[in-house]
Structures are given as structure tokens and as C-alpha cells.
Protein backbone atom coordinates (compact mmCIF):
# COMPACT_ATOMS: atom_id res chain seq x y z
CA MET A 1 -20.52 3.34 -68.26
CA GLY A 2 -19.63 6.64 -66.65
CA ASP A 3 -21.37 5.68 -63.38
CA THR A 4 -19.67 2.30 -63.07
CA LEU A 5 -16.44 3.59 -61.51
CA PRO A 6 -18.17 5.57 -58.68
CA ALA A 7 -20.56 2.64 -58.10
CA LEU A 8 -17.65 0.20 -57.70
CA SER A 9 -15.61 2.59 -55.55
CA ILE A 10 -18.11 2.35 -52.68
CA PRO A 11 -17.73 -1.44 -52.16
CA VAL A 12 -13.95 -1.11 -52.53
CA LEU A 13 -13.93 1.63 -49.87
CA VAL A 14 -16.05 -0.50 -47.49
CA LEU A 15 -13.80 -3.54 -48.08
CA ALA A 16 -10.62 -1.49 -47.51
CA SER A 17 -11.95 0.04 -44.28
CA GLY A 18 -12.95 -3.44 -43.04
CA ILE A 19 -9.49 -4.81 -43.73
CA TYR A 20 -7.91 -1.82 -42.00
CA THR A 21 -10.19 -2.26 -38.93
CA ALA A 22 -9.42 -5.98 -38.71
CA GLY A 23 -5.68 -5.30 -38.96
CA ALA A 24 -5.80 -2.55 -36.34
CA SER A 25 -7.80 -4.78 -33.99
CA TRP A 26 -5.32 -7.64 -34.43
CA TRP A 27 -2.39 -5.26 -33.81
CA ARG A 28 -3.94 -3.84 -30.60
CA ARG A 29 -4.51 -7.34 -29.23
CA ARG A 30 -0.87 -8.23 -29.81
CA HIS A 31 0.50 -4.85 -28.60
CA PRO A 32 -1.66 -3.50 -25.77
CA ALA A 33 -1.45 0.16 -24.84
CA PRO A 34 0.33 1.17 -21.63
CA PRO A 35 -1.91 1.72 -18.61
CA SER A 36 -3.81 4.96 -18.49
CA PRO A 37 -2.27 7.61 -16.25
CA TYR A 38 -5.64 8.00 -14.54
CA THR A 39 -5.95 4.48 -13.11
CA HIS A 40 -5.23 3.38 -9.55
CA GLN A 41 -2.59 0.95 -10.76
CA ALA A 42 -0.72 3.73 -12.55
CA ALA A 43 -0.89 5.86 -9.40
CA ARG A 44 0.55 3.02 -7.30
CA LEU A 45 3.33 2.45 -9.82
CA ALA A 46 4.18 6.15 -9.85
CA GLU A 47 4.20 6.24 -6.04
CA ARG A 48 6.49 3.22 -5.88
CA ALA A 49 8.87 4.81 -8.41
CA MET A 50 8.87 8.05 -6.41
CA LEU A 51 9.73 6.17 -3.19
CA VAL A 52 12.60 4.35 -4.90
CA ASP A 53 13.97 7.68 -6.16
CA ALA A 54 13.63 9.25 -2.70
CA GLU A 55 15.43 6.31 -1.06
CA ARG A 56 18.23 6.59 -3.61
CA ILE A 57 18.61 10.32 -2.93
CA VAL A 58 18.63 9.86 0.85
CA GLU A 59 21.14 6.99 0.69
CA GLY A 60 23.40 9.07 -1.55
CA ALA A 61 23.21 12.04 0.80
CA TYR A 62 23.89 9.87 3.84
CA GLY A 63 26.83 8.24 2.06
CA THR A 64 28.26 11.65 1.23
CA LEU A 65 27.51 13.38 4.54
CA GLY A 66 27.56 10.35 6.86
CA THR A 67 30.54 11.63 8.84
CA LEU A 68 28.57 14.71 9.82
CA TYR A 69 25.81 12.53 11.26
CA ALA A 70 28.31 10.49 13.27
CA GLY A 71 29.34 13.58 15.28
CA PRO A 72 31.96 13.54 18.04
CA THR A 73 31.08 9.97 19.10
CA ALA A 74 32.96 8.58 16.11
CA PRO A 75 36.23 6.84 16.96
CA HIS A 76 39.44 8.88 16.66
CA THR A 77 37.53 12.15 16.96
CA HIS A 78 38.58 14.76 19.49
CA VAL A 79 36.75 18.05 19.85
CA PRO A 80 38.51 20.64 22.05
CA ALA A 81 36.56 22.31 24.85
CA ASP A 82 36.75 25.78 23.25
CA GLY A 83 35.53 24.43 19.90
CA GLY A 84 38.95 24.92 18.27
CA VAL A 85 38.51 28.69 17.94
CA SER A 86 41.17 31.02 19.31
CA PRO A 87 40.11 34.41 20.71
CA GLY A 88 42.03 36.22 17.96
CA ALA A 89 40.24 34.32 15.18
CA ALA A 90 36.84 34.93 16.77
CA ALA A 91 37.37 38.70 16.92
CA SER A 92 35.69 40.84 14.32
CA GLN A 93 37.76 42.13 11.43
CA ASP A 94 36.07 45.53 11.82
CA HIS A 95 37.26 46.13 15.40
CA ASP A 96 38.32 49.70 14.61
CA ARG A 97 34.83 50.76 13.47
CA SER A 98 32.56 52.23 16.02
CA ALA A 99 29.16 50.62 16.50
CA PRO A 100 26.07 52.71 15.69
CA ALA A 101 24.48 54.39 18.66
CA PRO A 102 21.50 52.54 20.15
CA ALA A 103 18.10 54.10 19.63
CA GLN A 104 16.86 56.31 22.48
CA ARG A 105 13.64 55.23 24.12
CA GLY A 106 11.38 57.89 25.38
């Protein structure tokens, strides 16, 4: 009678593992795994997502900085001939410092 419990545990273990395998197989058929990251399809999907992100970034940058791209040809834009810089503003703030002596060539 002492060997009956271990002898019956083996068929119970086999039956339980079979039920688990059948349930796992049924679940995988109903819920397939996402595509492997190493397939060609996954690479194409990643490339397409990257292009969409790049287009979004470029469109956002152009929307923000579009006036810089338009340049002086935009309507109501007037650029003076001297570039809008007066001689006093273009002068160096360190005008009282003397420049270092150039190196002597021999």
C-alpha cells in the first residue's frame, strides 16, 4: 500500500502535463506572438516607423523655422544694403587694447 501513491502520481503528472500543453497550444493559436525582431517584415515596419518619425521632425522644424527659409524674397521684407549694422555697433568693445605683435619670420 505504501507504493500505491507514488505509482498513481506518475499517471496524474502525465495527465496534468498533457492538459497544460493542450491549453498552452490553444492559447498560442488564439493569441499569436508579435513578429520576431529578426524578420524582414519587422525590419520594414521599423524602417517605416523611423521614416514617419523623421518626417514629423522635419515638418515641425520647418513649421518653426519656415520664415528663415523664406529669406528676403518673402513679402513685406526689406533688408538694408549695409545689413542693418551701424559702424559703431560693429566696432569691437576692446578697442583700447593693443593687439599682440605678429610673429617674426626669419
